[in-house]
Amino acid sequence: CPGPRRWFFPAGYGTLGFALPAAIGGKLAAPDKPVVALVGD
């Protein structure tokens, strides 16, 4: 990871299902940046 606020992991409550809606929100917040959702089935 080359800088801050580039790896988002739901530490703490361990929220299953976080990645997809968070990635959508991330793309809305930073539309000029590539966004990846890394999620299991």
ModelCIF file with pLDDT and N, C-alpha, C, O atoms, coordinates in Angstrom:
data_MODEL
#
_entry.id   MODEL 
#
_entity.id                         1 
_entity.type                       polymer 
_entity.pdbx_number_of_molecules   1 
#
_entity_poly.entity_id                      1 
_entity_poly.type                           'polypeptide(L)' 
_entity_poly.nstd_linkage                   no 
_entity_poly.nstd_monomer                   no 
_entity_poly.pdbx_seq_one_letter_code       CPGPRRWFFPAGYGTLGFALPAAIGGKLAAPDKPVVALVGD 
_entity_poly.pdbx_seq_one_letter_code_can   CPGPRRWFFPAGYGTLGFALPAAIGGKLAAPDKPVVALVGD 
_entity_poly.pdbx_strand_id                 A 
#
loop_
_entity_poly_seq.entity_id 
_entity_poly_seq.num 
_entity_poly_seq.mon_id 
_entity_poly_seq.hetero 
1 1  CYS n 
1 2  PRO n 
1 3  GLY n 
1 4  PRO n 
1 5  ARG n 
1 6  ARG n 
1 7  TRP n 
1 8  PHE n 
1 9  PHE n 
1 10 PRO n 
1 11 ALA n 
1 12 GLY n 
1 13 TYR n 
1 14 GLY n 
1 15 THR n 
1 16 LEU n 
1 17 GLY n 
1 18 PHE n 
1 19 ALA n 
1 20 LEU n 
1 21 PRO n 
1 22 ALA n 
1 23 ALA n 
1 24 ILE n 
1 25 GLY n 
1 26 GLY n 
1 27 LYS n 
1 28 LEU n 
1 29 ALA n 
1 30 ALA n 
1 31 PRO n 
1 32 ASP n 
1 33 LYS n 
1 34 PRO n 
1 35 VAL n 
1 36 VAL n 
1 37 ALA n 
1 38 LEU n 
1 39 VAL n 
1 40 GLY n 
1 41 ASP n 
#
_struct_asym.id          A 
_struct_asym.entity_id   1 
#
loop_
_ma_qa_metric.id 
_ma_qa_metric.mode 
_ma_qa_metric.name 
_ma_qa_metric.software_group_id 
_ma_qa_metric.type 
1 global pLDDT . pLDDT 
2 local  pLDDT . pLDDT 
#
_ma_qa_metric_global.metric_id      1 
_ma_qa_metric_global.metric_value   94.39 
_ma_qa_metric_global.model_id       1 
_ma_qa_metric_global.ordinal_id     1 
#
loop_
_ma_qa_metric_local.label_asym_id 
_ma_qa_metric_local.label_comp_id 
_ma_qa_metric_local.label_seq_id 
_ma_qa_metric_local.metric_id 
_ma_qa_metric_local.metric_value 
_ma_qa_metric_local.model_id 
_ma_qa_metric_local.ordinal_id 
A CYS 1  2 94.00 1 1  
A PRO 2  2 93.00 1 2  
A GLY 3  2 94.00 1 3  
A PRO 4  2 93.00 1 4  
A ARG 5  2 94.00 1 5  
A ARG 6  2 96.00 1 6  
A TRP 7  2 97.00 1 7  
A PHE 8  2 96.00 1 8  
A PHE 9  2 95.00 1 9  
A PRO 10 2 92.00 1 10 
A ALA 11 2 84.00 1 11 
A GLY 12 2 77.00 1 12 
A TYR 13 2 80.00 1 13 
A GLY 14 2 82.00 1 14 
A THR 15 2 90.00 1 15 
A LEU 16 2 94.00 1 16 
A GLY 17 2 96.00 1 17 
A PHE 18 2 97.00 1 18 
A ALA 19 2 97.00 1 19 
A LEU 20 2 97.00 1 20 
A PRO 21 2 97.00 1 21 
A ALA 22 2 97.00 1 22 
A ALA 23 2 97.00 1 23 
A ILE 24 2 97.00 1 24 
A GLY 25 2 97.00 1 25 
A GLY 26 2 97.00 1 26 
A LYS 27 2 97.00 1 27 
A LEU 28 2 97.00 1 28 
A ALA 29 2 97.00 1 29 
A ALA 30 2 97.00 1 30 
A PRO 31 2 97.00 1 31 
A ASP 32 2 97.00 1 32 
A LYS 33 2 97.00 1 33 
A PRO 34 2 98.00 1 34 
A VAL 35 2 98.00 1 35 
A VAL 36 2 98.00 1 36 
A ALA 37 2 97.00 1 37 
A LEU 38 2 97.00 1 38 
A VAL 39 2 96.00 1 39 
A GLY 40 2 94.00 1 40 
A ASP 41 2 93.00 1 41 
#
loop_
_atom_site.group_PDB 
_atom_site.id 
_atom_site.type_symbol 
_atom_site.label_atom_id 
_atom_site.label_alt_id 
_atom_site.label_comp_id 
_atom_site.label_asym_id 
_atom_site.label_entity_id 
_atom_site.label_seq_id 
_atom_site.pdbx_PDB_ins_code 
_atom_site.Cartn_x 
_atom_site.Cartn_y 
_atom_site.Cartn_z 
_atom_site.occupancy 
_atom_site.B_iso_or_equiv 
_atom_site.pdbx_formal_charge 
_atom_site.auth_seq_id 
_atom_site.auth_comp_id 
_atom_site.auth_asym_id 
_atom_site.auth_atom_id 
_atom_site.pdbx_PDB_model_num 
ATOM 1   N N  . CYS A 1 1  ? 0.850   -1.188  0.000   1.00 94.00 ? 1  CYS A N  1 
ATOM 2   C CA . CYS A 1 1  ? 0.000   0.000   0.000   1.00 94.00 ? 1  CYS A CA 1 
ATOM 3   C C  . CYS A 1 1  ? 0.890   1.243   0.000   1.00 94.00 ? 1  CYS A C  1 
ATOM 4   O O  . CYS A 1 1  ? 1.655   1.439   0.945   1.00 94.00 ? 1  CYS A O  1 
ATOM 5   N N  . PRO A 1 2  ? 0.813   2.094   -1.039  1.00 93.00 ? 2  PRO A N  1 
ATOM 6   C CA . PRO A 1 2  ? 1.753   3.210   -1.162  1.00 93.00 ? 2  PRO A CA 1 
ATOM 7   C C  . PRO A 1 2  ? 1.341   4.477   -0.424  1.00 93.00 ? 2  PRO A C  1 
ATOM 8   O O  . PRO A 1 2  ? 2.108   5.439   -0.377  1.00 93.00 ? 2  PRO A O  1 
ATOM 9   N N  . GLY A 1 3  ? 0.143   4.493   0.151   1.00 94.00 ? 3  GLY A N  1 
ATOM 10  C CA . GLY A 1 3  ? -0.300  5.703   0.825   1.00 94.00 ? 3  GLY A CA 1 
ATOM 11  C C  . GLY A 1 3  ? -1.540  5.446   1.653   1.00 94.00 ? 3  GLY A C  1 
ATOM 12  O O  . GLY A 1 3  ? -2.114  4.360   1.573   1.00 94.00 ? 3  GLY A O  1 
ATOM 13  N N  . PRO A 1 4  ? -1.975  6.426   2.455   1.00 93.00 ? 4  PRO A N  1 
ATOM 14  C CA . PRO A 1 4  ? -3.131  6.239   3.327   1.00 93.00 ? 4  PRO A CA 1 
ATOM 15  C C  . PRO A 1 4  ? -4.449  6.289   2.558   1.00 93.00 ? 4  PRO A C  1 
ATOM 16  O O  . PRO A 1 4  ? -4.515  6.797   1.439   1.00 93.00 ? 4  PRO A O  1 
ATOM 17  N N  . ARG A 1 5  ? -5.488  5.755   3.177   1.00 94.00 ? 5  ARG A N  1 
ATOM 18  C CA . ARG A 1 5  ? -6.858  5.770   2.643   1.00 94.00 ? 5  ARG A CA 1 
ATOM 19  C C  . ARG A 1 5  ? -6.945  5.116   1.267   1.00 94.00 ? 5  ARG A C  1 
ATOM 20  O O  . ARG A 1 5  ? -7.636  5.603   0.371   1.00 94.00 ? 5  ARG A O  1 
ATOM 21  N N  . ARG A 1 6  ? -6.239  4.018   1.124   1.00 96.00 ? 6  ARG A N  1 
ATOM 22  C CA . ARG A 1 6  ? -6.299  3.271   -0.141  1.00 96.00 ? 6  ARG A CA 1 
ATOM 23  C C  . ARG A 1 6  ? -6.645  1.801   0.079   1.00 96.00 ? 6  ARG A C  1 
ATOM 24  O O  . ARG A 1 6  ? -6.935  1.080   -0.876  1.00 96.00 ? 6  ARG A O  1 
ATOM 25  N N  . TRP A 1 7  ? -6.615  1.359   1.329   1.00 97.00 ? 7  TRP A N  1 
ATOM 26  C CA . TRP A 1 7  ? -6.997  -0.013  1.675   1.00 97.00 ? 7  TRP A CA 1 
ATOM 27  C C  . TRP A 1 7  ? -8.046  0.093   2.776   1.00 97.00 ? 7  TRP A C  1 
ATOM 28  O O  . TRP A 1 7  ? -7.759  0.565   3.876   1.00 97.00 ? 7  TRP A O  1 
ATOM 29  N N  . PHE A 1 8  ? -9.258  -0.348  2.474   1.00 96.00 ? 8  PHE A N  1 
ATOM 30  C CA . PHE A 1 8  ? -10.376 -0.201  3.407   1.00 96.00 ? 8  PHE A CA 1 
ATOM 31  C C  . PHE A 1 8  ? -10.869 -1.584  3.823   1.00 96.00 ? 8  PHE A C  1 
ATOM 32  O O  . PHE A 1 8  ? -11.370 -2.352  3.002   1.00 96.00 ? 8  PHE A O  1 
ATOM 33  N N  . PHE A 1 9  ? -10.719 -1.885  5.099   1.00 95.00 ? 9  PHE A N  1 
ATOM 34  C CA . PHE A 1 9  ? -11.077 -3.198  5.640   1.00 95.00 ? 9  PHE A CA 1 
ATOM 35  C C  . PHE A 1 9  ? -11.952 -2.990  6.868   1.00 95.00 ? 9  PHE A C  1 
ATOM 36  O O  . PHE A 1 9  ? -11.637 -2.141  7.701   1.00 95.00 ? 9  PHE A O  1 
ATOM 37  N N  . PRO A 1 10 ? -13.049 -3.746  7.005   1.00 92.00 ? 10 PRO A N  1 
ATOM 38  C CA . PRO A 1 10 ? -13.984 -3.505  8.106   1.00 92.00 ? 10 PRO A CA 1 
ATOM 39  C C  . PRO A 1 10 ? -13.507 -4.088  9.439   1.00 92.00 ? 10 PRO A C  1 
ATOM 40  O O  . PRO A 1 10 ? -14.170 -4.943  10.026  1.00 92.00 ? 10 PRO A O  1 
ATOM 41  N N  . ALA A 1 11 ? -12.353 -3.616  9.906   1.00 84.00 ? 11 ALA A N  1 
ATOM 42  C CA . ALA A 1 11 ? -11.837 -4.069  11.197  1.00 84.00 ? 11 ALA A CA 1 
ATOM 43  C C  . ALA A 1 11 ? -12.783 -3.604  12.303  1.00 84.00 ? 11 ALA A C  1 
ATOM 44  O O  . ALA A 1 11 ? -13.458 -2.583  12.168  1.00 84.00 ? 11 ALA A O  1 
ATOM 45  N N  . GLY A 1 12 ? -12.822 -4.357  13.388  1.00 77.00 ? 12 GLY A N  1 
ATOM 46  C CA . GLY A 1 12 ? -13.684 -3.972  14.501  1.00 77.00 ? 12 GLY A CA 1 
ATOM 47  C C  . GLY A 1 12 ? -14.908 -4.858  14.530  1.00 77.00 ? 12 GLY A C  1 
ATOM 48  O O  . GLY A 1 12 ? -14.861 -5.966  15.065  1.00 77.00 ? 12 GLY A O  1 
ATOM 49  N N  . TYR A 1 13 ? -16.016 -4.379  13.957  1.00 80.00 ? 13 TYR A N  1 
ATOM 50  C CA . TYR A 1 13 ? -17.248 -5.165  13.975  1.00 80.00 ? 13 TYR A CA 1 
ATOM 51  C C  . TYR A 1 13 ? -17.211 -6.322  12.983  1.00 80.00 ? 13 TYR A C  1 
ATOM 52  O O  . TYR A 1 13 ? -18.020 -7.244  13.088  1.00 80.00 ? 13 TYR A O  1 
ATOM 53  N N  . GLY A 1 14 ? -16.299 -6.292  12.034  1.00 82.00 ? 14 GLY A N  1 
ATOM 54  C CA . GLY A 1 14 ? -16.195 -7.390  11.079  1.00 82.00 ? 14 GLY A CA 1 
ATOM 55  C C  . GLY A 1 14 ? -17.444 -7.513  10.221  1.00 82.00 ? 14 GLY A C  1 
ATOM 56  O O  . GLY A 1 14 ? -18.102 -8.554  10.219  1.00 82.00 ? 14 GLY A O  1 
ATOM 57  N N  . THR A 1 15 ? -17.771 -6.456  9.494   1.00 90.00 ? 15 THR A N  1 
ATOM 58  C CA . THR A 1 15 ? -19.052 -6.354  8.806   1.00 90.00 ? 15 THR A CA 1 
ATOM 59  C C  . THR A 1 15 ? -19.046 -7.131  7.496   1.00 90.00 ? 15 THR A C  1 
ATOM 60  O O  . THR A 1 15 ? -18.461 -6.678  6.512   1.00 90.00 ? 15 THR A O  1 
ATOM 61  N N  . LEU A 1 16 ? -19.685 -8.287  7.473   1.00 94.00 ? 16 LEU A N  1 
ATOM 62  C CA . LEU A 1 16 ? -19.834 -9.036  6.222   1.00 94.00 ? 16 LEU A CA 1 
ATOM 63  C C  . LEU A 1 16 ? -20.693 -8.242  5.248   1.00 94.00 ? 16 LEU A C  1 
ATOM 64  O O  . LEU A 1 16 ? -21.728 -7.690  5.623   1.00 94.00 ? 16 LEU A O  1 
ATOM 65  N N  . GLY A 1 17 ? -20.253 -8.191  3.997   1.00 96.00 ? 17 GLY A N  1 
ATOM 66  C CA . GLY A 1 17 ? -20.981 -7.458  2.977   1.00 96.00 ? 17 GLY A CA 1 
ATOM 67  C C  . GLY A 1 17 ? -20.532 -6.024  2.820   1.00 96.00 ? 17 GLY A C  1 
ATOM 68  O O  . GLY A 1 17 ? -21.123 -5.282  2.035   1.00 96.00 ? 17 GLY A O  1 
ATOM 69  N N  . PHE A 1 18 ? -19.506 -5.609  3.543   1.00 97.00 ? 18 PHE A N  1 
ATOM 70  C CA . PHE A 1 18 ? -19.039 -4.224  3.517   1.00 97.00 ? 18 PHE A CA 1 
ATOM 71  C C  . PHE A 1 18 ? -18.499 -3.808  2.150   1.00 97.00 ? 18 PHE A C  1 
ATOM 72  O O  . PHE A 1 18 ? -18.741 -2.686  1.706   1.00 97.00 ? 18 PHE A O  1 
ATOM 73  N N  . ALA A 1 19 ? -17.770 -4.700  1.483   1.00 97.00 ? 19 ALA A N  1 
ATOM 74  C CA . ALA A 1 19 ? -16.933 -4.295  0.349   1.00 97.00 ? 19 ALA A CA 1 
ATOM 75  C C  . ALA A 1 19 ? -17.724 -3.679  -0.788  1.00 97.00 ? 19 ALA A C  1 
ATOM 76  O O  . ALA A 1 19 ? -17.338 -2.626  -1.295  1.00 97.00 ? 19 ALA A O  1 
ATOM 77  N N  . LEU A 1 20 ? -18.833 -4.306  -1.211  1.00 97.00 ? 20 LEU A N  1 
ATOM 78  C CA . LEU A 1 20 ? -19.538 -3.818  -2.396  1.00 97.00 ? 20 LEU A CA 1 
ATOM 79  C C  . LEU A 1 20 ? -20.144 -2.429  -2.175  1.00 97.00 ? 20 LEU A C  1 
ATOM 80  O O  . LEU A 1 20 ? -19.825 -1.525  -2.948  1.00 97.00 ? 20 LEU A O  1 
ATOM 81  N N  . PRO A 1 21 ? -20.995 -2.201  -1.175  1.00 97.00 ? 21 PRO A N  1 
ATOM 82  C CA . PRO A 1 21 ? -21.538 -0.855  -0.998  1.00 97.00 ? 21 PRO A CA 1 
ATOM 83  C C  . PRO A 1 21 ? -20.466 0.177   -0.667  1.00 97.00 ? 21 PRO A C  1 
ATOM 84  O O  . PRO A 1 21 ? -20.585 1.339   -1.055  1.00 97.00 ? 21 PRO A O  1 
ATOM 85  N N  . ALA A 1 22 ? -19.424 -0.234  0.046   1.00 97.00 ? 22 ALA A N  1 
ATOM 86  C CA . ALA A 1 22 ? -18.343 0.705   0.358   1.00 97.00 ? 22 ALA A CA 1 
ATOM 87  C C  . ALA A 1 22 ? -17.607 1.111   -0.905  1.00 97.00 ? 22 ALA A C  1 
ATOM 88  O O  . ALA A 1 22 ? -17.226 2.272   -1.055  1.00 97.00 ? 22 ALA A O  1 
ATOM 89  N N  . ALA A 1 23 ? -17.400 0.165   -1.818  1.00 97.00 ? 23 ALA A N  1 
ATOM 90  C CA . ALA A 1 23 ? -16.724 0.485   -3.073  1.00 97.00 ? 23 ALA A CA 1 
ATOM 91  C C  . ALA A 1 23 ? -17.572 1.420   -3.929  1.00 97.00 ? 23 ALA A C  1 
ATOM 92  O O  . ALA A 1 23 ? -17.045 2.326   -4.575  1.00 97.00 ? 23 ALA A O  1 
ATOM 93  N N  . ILE A 1 24 ? -18.896 1.198   -3.933  1.00 97.00 ? 24 ILE A N  1 
ATOM 94  C CA . ILE A 1 24 ? -19.785 2.105   -4.664  1.00 97.00 ? 24 ILE A CA 1 
ATOM 95  C C  . ILE A 1 24 ? -19.676 3.510   -4.076  1.00 97.00 ? 24 ILE A C  1 
ATOM 96  O O  . ILE A 1 24 ? -19.574 4.492   -4.811  1.00 97.00 ? 24 ILE A O  1 
ATOM 97  N N  . GLY A 1 25 ? -19.699 3.597   -2.746  1.00 97.00 ? 25 GLY A N  1 
ATOM 98  C CA . GLY A 1 25 ? -19.546 4.897   -2.093  1.00 97.00 ? 25 GLY A CA 1 
ATOM 99  C C  . GLY A 1 25 ? -18.196 5.521   -2.368  1.00 97.00 ? 25 GLY A C  1 
ATOM 100 O O  . GLY A 1 25 ? -18.089 6.733   -2.556  1.00 97.00 ? 25 GLY A O  1 
ATOM 101 N N  . GLY A 1 26 ? -17.155 4.686   -2.393  1.00 97.00 ? 26 GLY A N  1 
ATOM 102 C CA . GLY A 1 26 ? -15.818 5.190   -2.684  1.00 97.00 ? 26 GLY A CA 1 
ATOM 103 C C  . GLY A 1 26 ? -15.726 5.776   -4.087  1.00 97.00 ? 26 GLY A C  1 
ATOM 104 O O  . GLY A 1 26 ? -15.074 6.799   -4.298  1.00 97.00 ? 26 GLY A O  1 
ATOM 105 N N  . LYS A 1 27 ? -16.385 5.120   -5.048  1.00 97.00 ? 27 LYS A N  1 
ATOM 106 C CA . LYS A 1 27 ? -16.346 5.620   -6.424  1.00 97.00 ? 27 LYS A CA 1 
ATOM 107 C C  . LYS A 1 27 ? -17.126 6.923   -6.547  1.00 97.00 ? 27 LYS A C  1 
ATOM 108 O O  . LYS A 1 27 ? -16.732 7.812   -7.301  1.00 97.00 ? 27 LYS A O  1 
ATOM 109 N N  . LEU A 1 28 ? -18.234 7.044   -5.807  1.00 97.00 ? 28 LEU A N  1 
ATOM 110 C CA . LEU A 1 28 ? -18.991 8.297   -5.810  1.00 97.00 ? 28 LEU A CA 1 
ATOM 111 C C  . LEU A 1 28 ? -18.167 9.429   -5.195  1.00 97.00 ? 28 LEU A C  1 
ATOM 112 O O  . LEU A 1 28 ? -18.219 10.569  -5.656  1.00 97.00 ? 28 LEU A O  1 
ATOM 113 N N  . ALA A 1 29 ? -17.402 9.097   -4.140  1.00 97.00 ? 29 ALA A N  1 
ATOM 114 C CA . ALA A 1 29 ? -16.599 10.114  -3.460  1.00 97.00 ? 29 ALA A CA 1 
ATOM 115 C C  . ALA A 1 29 ? -15.356 10.497  -4.253  1.00 97.00 ? 29 ALA A C  1 
ATOM 116 O O  . ALA A 1 29 ? -14.903 11.640  -4.195  1.00 97.00 ? 29 ALA A O  1 
ATOM 117 N N  . ALA A 1 30 ? -14.806 9.533   -4.995  1.00 97.00 ? 30 ALA A N  1 
ATOM 118 C CA . ALA A 1 30 ? -13.573 9.788   -5.748  1.00 97.00 ? 30 ALA A CA 1 
ATOM 119 C C  . ALA A 1 30 ? -13.734 9.239   -7.165  1.00 97.00 ? 30 ALA A C  1 
ATOM 120 O O  . ALA A 1 30 ? -13.109 8.237   -7.511  1.00 97.00 ? 30 ALA A O  1 
ATOM 121 N N  . PRO A 1 31 ? -14.558 9.878   -7.982  1.00 97.00 ? 31 PRO A N  1 
ATOM 122 C CA . PRO A 1 31 ? -14.870 9.322   -9.302  1.00 97.00 ? 31 PRO A CA 1 
ATOM 123 C C  . PRO A 1 31 ? -13.683 9.241   -10.245 1.00 97.00 ? 31 PRO A C  1 
ATOM 124 O O  . PRO A 1 31 ? -13.728 8.520   -11.242 1.00 97.00 ? 31 PRO A O  1 
ATOM 125 N N  . ASP A 1 32 ? -12.612 9.981   -9.936  1.00 97.00 ? 32 ASP A N  1 
ATOM 126 C CA . ASP A 1 32 ? -11.442 9.981   -10.814 1.00 97.00 ? 32 ASP A CA 1 
ATOM 127 C C  . ASP A 1 32 ? -10.468 8.866   -10.482 1.00 97.00 ? 32 ASP A C  1 
ATOM 128 O O  . ASP A 1 32 ? -9.466  8.700   -11.178 1.00 97.00 ? 32 ASP A O  1 
ATOM 129 N N  . LYS A 1 33 ? -10.741 8.091   -9.425  1.00 97.00 ? 33 LYS A N  1 
ATOM 130 C CA . LYS A 1 33 ? -9.804  7.047   -9.007  1.00 97.00 ? 33 LYS A CA 1 
ATOM 131 C C  . LYS A 1 33 ? -10.362 5.656   -9.305  1.00 97.00 ? 33 LYS A C  1 
ATOM 132 O O  . LYS A 1 33 ? -11.560 5.424   -9.146  1.00 97.00 ? 33 LYS A O  1 
ATOM 133 N N  . PRO A 1 34 ? -9.496  4.725   -9.739  1.00 98.00 ? 34 PRO A N  1 
ATOM 134 C CA . PRO A 1 34 ? -9.941  3.338   -9.910  1.00 98.00 ? 34 PRO A CA 1 
ATOM 135 C C  . PRO A 1 34 ? -10.316 2.734   -8.565  1.00 98.00 ? 34 PRO A C  1 
ATOM 136 O O  . PRO A 1 34 ? -9.635  2.966   -7.566  1.00 98.00 ? 34 PRO A O  1 
ATOM 137 N N  . VAL A 1 35 ? -11.392 1.963   -8.535  1.00 98.00 ? 35 VAL A N  1 
ATOM 138 C CA . VAL A 1 35 ? -11.894 1.373   -7.298  1.00 98.00 ? 35 VAL A CA 1 
ATOM 139 C C  . VAL A 1 35 ? -12.089 -0.125  -7.491  1.00 98.00 ? 35 VAL A C  1 
ATOM 140 O O  . VAL A 1 35 ? -12.618 -0.566  -8.511  1.00 98.00 ? 35 VAL A O  1 
ATOM 141 N N  . VAL A 1 36 ? -11.657 -0.902  -6.504  1.00 98.00 ? 36 VAL A N  1 
ATOM 142 C CA . VAL A 1 36 ? -11.784 -2.357  -6.539  1.00 98.00 ? 36 VAL A CA 1 
ATOM 143 C C  . VAL A 1 36 ? -12.558 -2.814  -5.309  1.00 98.00 ? 36 VAL A C  1 
ATOM 144 O O  . VAL A 1 36 ? -12.315 -2.327  -4.205  1.00 98.00 ? 36 VAL A O  1 
ATOM 145 N N  . ALA A 1 37 ? -13.492 -3.751  -5.496  1.00 97.00 ? 37 ALA A N  1 
ATOM 146 C CA . ALA A 1 37 ? -14.140 -4.437  -4.371  1.00 97.00 ? 37 ALA A CA 1 
ATOM 147 C C  . ALA A 1 37 ? -13.580 -5.853  -4.304  1.00 97.00 ? 37 ALA A C  1 
ATOM 148 O O  . ALA A 1 37 ? -13.674 -6.610  -5.270  1.00 97.00 ? 37 ALA A O  1 
ATOM 149 N N  . LEU A 1 38 ? -13.004 -6.204  -3.171  1.00 97.00 ? 38 LEU A N  1 
ATOM 150 C CA . LEU A 1 38 ? -12.430 -7.531  -2.969  1.00 97.00 ? 38 LEU A CA 1 
ATOM 151 C C  . LEU A 1 38 ? -13.311 -8.250  -1.956  1.00 97.00 ? 38 LEU A C  1 
ATOM 152 O O  . LEU A 1 38 ? -13.273 -7.944  -0.764  1.00 97.00 ? 38 LEU A O  1 
ATOM 153 N N  . VAL A 1 39 ? -14.103 -9.208  -2.432  1.00 96.00 ? 39 VAL A N  1 
ATOM 154 C CA . VAL A 1 39 ? -15.151 -9.789  -1.592  1.00 96.00 ? 39 VAL A CA 1 
ATOM 155 C C  . VAL A 1 39 ? -15.300 -11.274 -1.891  1.00 96.00 ? 39 VAL A C  1 
ATOM 156 O O  . VAL A 1 39 ? -15.143 -11.710 -3.032  1.00 96.00 ? 39 VAL A O  1 
ATOM 157 N N  . GLY A 1 40 ? -15.602 -12.038 -0.858  1.00 94.00 ? 40 GLY A N  1 
ATOM 158 C CA . GLY A 1 40 ? -15.876 -13.456 -1.034  1.00 94.00 ? 40 GLY A CA 1 
ATOM 159 C C  . GLY A 1 40 ? -17.329 -13.692 -1.399  1.00 94.00 ? 40 GLY A C  1 
ATOM 160 O O  . GLY A 1 40 ? -18.142 -12.768 -1.357  1.00 94.00 ? 40 GLY A O  1 
ATOM 161 N N  . ASP A 1 41 ? -17.664 -14.935 -1.761  1.00 93.00 ? 41 ASP A N  1 
ATOM 162 C CA . ASP A 1 41 ? -19.036 -15.201 -2.192  1.00 93.00 ? 41 ASP A CA 1 
ATOM 163 C C  . ASP A 1 41 ? -20.042 -14.995 -1.064  1.00 93.00 ? 41 ASP A C  1 
ATOM 164 O O  . ASP A 1 41 ? -21.243 -15.180 -1.266  1.00 93.00 ? 41 ASP A O  1 
#
